[in-house]
């Protein structure tokens, strides 16, 4: 049975069940789709297990100056798969060159400490495997700051070559 045509009355305009749902305008949808397509390859290029970060921040003062606390550390536990990892330090003074390290599958305590030195700050990151007898690895860098500010530093592991 066909529905009779309706005239535009106040009741017809005000009836919410008769309204069509609002849709995203096509002009706005196009940039969203283009952005999703452009970022798609980057979003899936590495899984969470292939790239790990450890970072920290604090207000730092140009040295020499009284610094409290004398050392600031952060740590976390990571589970890494066998492979070759590019391991780097990221500091306010610039990034250290990545060092390739071969790591076996294991759990690791990943620790990073910042400590003041004469005229500079030293950041050291260590990877200590859960399995006894495996060596602890470490990487360090020195950097200075020119003004009192809140700075961020960190360490990154990126598995670029899976193991056998």
Protein backbone atom coordinates (compact mmCIF):
# COMPACT_ATOMS: atom_id res chain seq x y z
CA UNK A 1 0.00 0.00 0.00
CA UNK A 2 1.49 3.30 -1.10
CA UNK A 3 1.83 6.07 1.35
CA UNK A 4 -0.19 9.18 0.56
CA UNK A 5 1.84 12.34 -0.11
CA UNK A 6 2.23 14.57 2.92
CA UNK A 7 1.94 18.26 2.95
CA UNK A 8 4.55 20.23 4.84
CA UNK A 9 2.91 21.00 8.12
CA UNK A 10 4.42 21.88 11.47
CA UNK A 11 3.75 18.31 12.64
CA UNK A 12 5.63 16.80 9.68
CA UNK A 13 8.67 19.06 10.15
CA UNK A 14 8.84 18.50 13.91
CA UNK A 15 8.47 14.70 13.88
CA UNK A 16 11.95 13.41 14.80
CA UNK A 17 11.26 9.86 13.60
CA UNK A 18 10.63 11.16 10.10
CA UNK A 19 13.92 13.10 9.83
CA UNK A 20 16.76 11.70 7.82
CA UNK A 21 19.97 11.14 9.77
CA UNK A 22 22.67 13.78 9.36
CA UNK A 23 25.62 12.63 7.34
CA UNK A 24 29.21 13.79 7.24
CA UNK A 25 29.42 16.29 4.39
CA UNK A 26 31.28 14.90 1.39
CA UNK A 27 33.66 17.84 1.37
CA UNK A 28 34.77 17.01 4.93
CA UNK A 29 34.90 13.25 4.34
CA UNK A 30 37.40 13.55 1.49
CA UNK A 31 40.31 14.93 3.57
CA UNK A 32 39.67 12.29 6.26
CA UNK A 33 39.89 9.47 3.72
CA UNK A 34 43.02 10.94 2.07
CA UNK A 35 44.72 11.31 5.47
CA UNK A 36 43.86 7.71 6.43
CA UNK A 37 45.28 6.41 3.16
CA UNK A 38 48.44 8.50 3.50
CA UNK A 39 49.14 7.42 7.09
CA UNK A 40 48.12 3.81 6.65
CA UNK A 41 51.57 2.46 5.67
CA UNK A 42 53.22 4.26 8.60
CA UNK A 43 50.70 3.01 11.12
CA UNK A 44 51.37 -0.62 10.21
CA UNK A 45 55.10 -0.52 9.43
CA UNK A 46 56.17 -1.80 12.86
CA UNK A 47 54.30 -3.70 15.49
CA UNK A 48 54.48 -2.83 19.16
CA UNK A 49 57.02 -5.63 19.63
CA UNK A 50 59.36 -4.12 16.99
CA UNK A 51 59.64 -0.62 18.47
CA UNK A 52 59.96 0.28 22.14
CA UNK A 53 60.51 3.62 23.87
CA UNK A 54 61.67 4.63 27.32
CA UNK A 55 61.63 8.34 28.12
CA UNK A 56 61.64 10.77 31.01
CA UNK A 57 61.62 14.51 31.63
CA UNK A 58 62.61 17.01 34.31
CA UNK A 59 63.49 20.64 34.78
CA UNK A 60 67.22 20.92 34.17
CA UNK A 61 69.50 23.84 35.02
CA UNK A 62 72.76 24.76 33.28
CA UNK A 63 75.65 23.21 35.21
CA UNK A 64 77.51 23.72 37.44
CA UNK A 65 74.60 24.33 39.77
CA UNK A 66 73.20 22.56 42.79
CA UNK A 67 71.06 19.74 41.42
CA UNK A 68 68.44 17.86 43.38
CA UNK A 69 67.99 14.93 43.14
CA UNK A 70 71.53 13.93 42.18
CA UNK A 71 70.27 11.10 39.95
CA UNK A 72 66.88 10.53 38.27
CA UNK A 73 66.00 7.05 36.98
CA UNK A 74 63.09 5.41 35.19
CA UNK A 75 62.67 1.76 34.25
CA UNK A 76 60.24 -0.70 32.73
CA UNK A 77 60.11 -4.35 31.81
CA UNK A 78 59.98 -5.27 28.10
CA UNK A 79 59.63 -8.59 26.32
CA UNK A 80 61.78 -8.61 23.17
CA UNK A 81 61.91 -11.12 20.33
CA UNK A 82 65.18 -12.37 18.86
CA UNK A 83 66.67 -10.03 16.28
CA UNK A 84 68.94 -7.11 15.48
CA UNK A 85 67.84 -3.89 17.14
CA UNK A 86 68.92 -0.32 16.46
CA UNK A 87 69.42 1.14 19.95
CA UNK A 88 69.67 4.90 20.31
CA UNK A 89 69.63 7.65 22.92
CA UNK A 90 67.61 10.81 22.35
CA UNK A 91 68.86 13.82 24.33
CA UNK A 92 68.31 17.60 24.31
CA UNK A 93 71.88 17.90 22.99
CA UNK A 94 71.10 15.71 19.97
CA UNK A 95 70.56 12.05 19.26
CA UNK A 96 73.37 9.55 19.62
CA UNK A 97 74.03 7.33 16.62
CA UNK A 98 72.04 4.12 16.72
CA UNK A 99 74.04 1.06 17.69
CA UNK A 100 73.07 -2.33 16.28
CA UNK A 101 72.69 -4.94 19.02
CA UNK A 102 71.82 -8.61 18.62
CA UNK A 103 69.34 -9.63 21.29
CA UNK A 104 67.92 -13.06 22.07
CA UNK A 105 64.26 -13.56 22.95
CA UNK A 106 63.97 -12.67 26.62
CA UNK A 107 62.41 -10.32 29.13
CA UNK A 108 64.57 -7.30 29.93
CA UNK A 109 64.64 -4.66 32.64
CA UNK A 110 65.23 -1.46 30.69
CA UNK A 111 66.58 1.30 32.92
CA UNK A 112 67.62 4.85 32.13
CA UNK A 113 69.30 7.23 34.58
CA UNK A 114 70.20 10.91 34.31
CA UNK A 115 72.99 12.18 36.54
CA UNK A 116 74.77 15.55 36.71
CA UNK A 117 78.47 15.73 35.90
CA UNK A 118 80.83 18.69 35.86
CA UNK A 119 79.34 21.02 33.24
CA UNK A 120 77.02 18.44 31.67
CA UNK A 121 74.40 15.76 32.26
CA UNK A 122 75.04 12.08 31.65
CA UNK A 123 72.23 9.79 30.55
CA UNK A 124 72.84 6.03 30.71
CA UNK A 125 70.46 3.32 29.55
CA UNK A 126 70.88 -0.37 30.36
CA UNK A 127 69.21 -3.60 29.25
CA UNK A 128 69.43 -6.37 31.82
CA UNK A 129 68.07 -9.75 30.64
CA UNK A 130 65.87 -11.83 32.94
CA UNK A 131 67.91 -14.96 32.11
CA UNK A 132 70.92 -15.31 34.41
CA UNK A 133 74.29 -15.44 32.69
CA UNK A 134 73.34 -13.18 29.77
CA UNK A 135 75.26 -9.89 29.63
CA UNK A 136 73.81 -6.52 30.61
CA UNK A 137 74.22 -3.95 27.85
CA UNK A 138 74.56 -0.21 28.35
CA UNK A 139 74.76 2.99 26.32
CA UNK A 140 75.62 6.53 27.54
CA UNK A 141 75.68 10.10 26.27
CA UNK A 142 76.63 13.50 27.70
CA UNK A 143 74.73 16.70 26.98
CA UNK A 144 74.54 20.25 28.28
CA UNK A 145 71.68 22.74 28.52
CA UNK A 146 71.82 26.51 28.00
CA UNK A 147 68.81 27.55 30.07
CA UNK A 148 66.57 26.31 32.85
CA UNK A 149 63.72 24.48 31.15
CA UNK A 150 61.80 21.20 31.22
CA UNK A 151 63.70 18.81 28.95
CA UNK A 152 62.90 15.33 27.68
CA UNK A 153 65.38 12.52 26.99
CA UNK A 154 64.89 8.91 26.04
CA UNK A 155 66.02 5.66 24.54
CA UNK A 156 64.61 3.73 21.60
CA UNK A 157 64.88 0.12 20.44
CA UNK A 158 63.82 -0.71 16.92
CA UNK A 159 63.98 -4.28 15.60
CA UNK A 160 64.93 -3.89 11.98
CA UNK A 161 66.06 -7.46 11.34
CA UNK A 162 64.15 -10.42 12.83
CA UNK A 163 66.17 -13.37 14.09
CA UNK A 164 66.56 -16.73 12.38
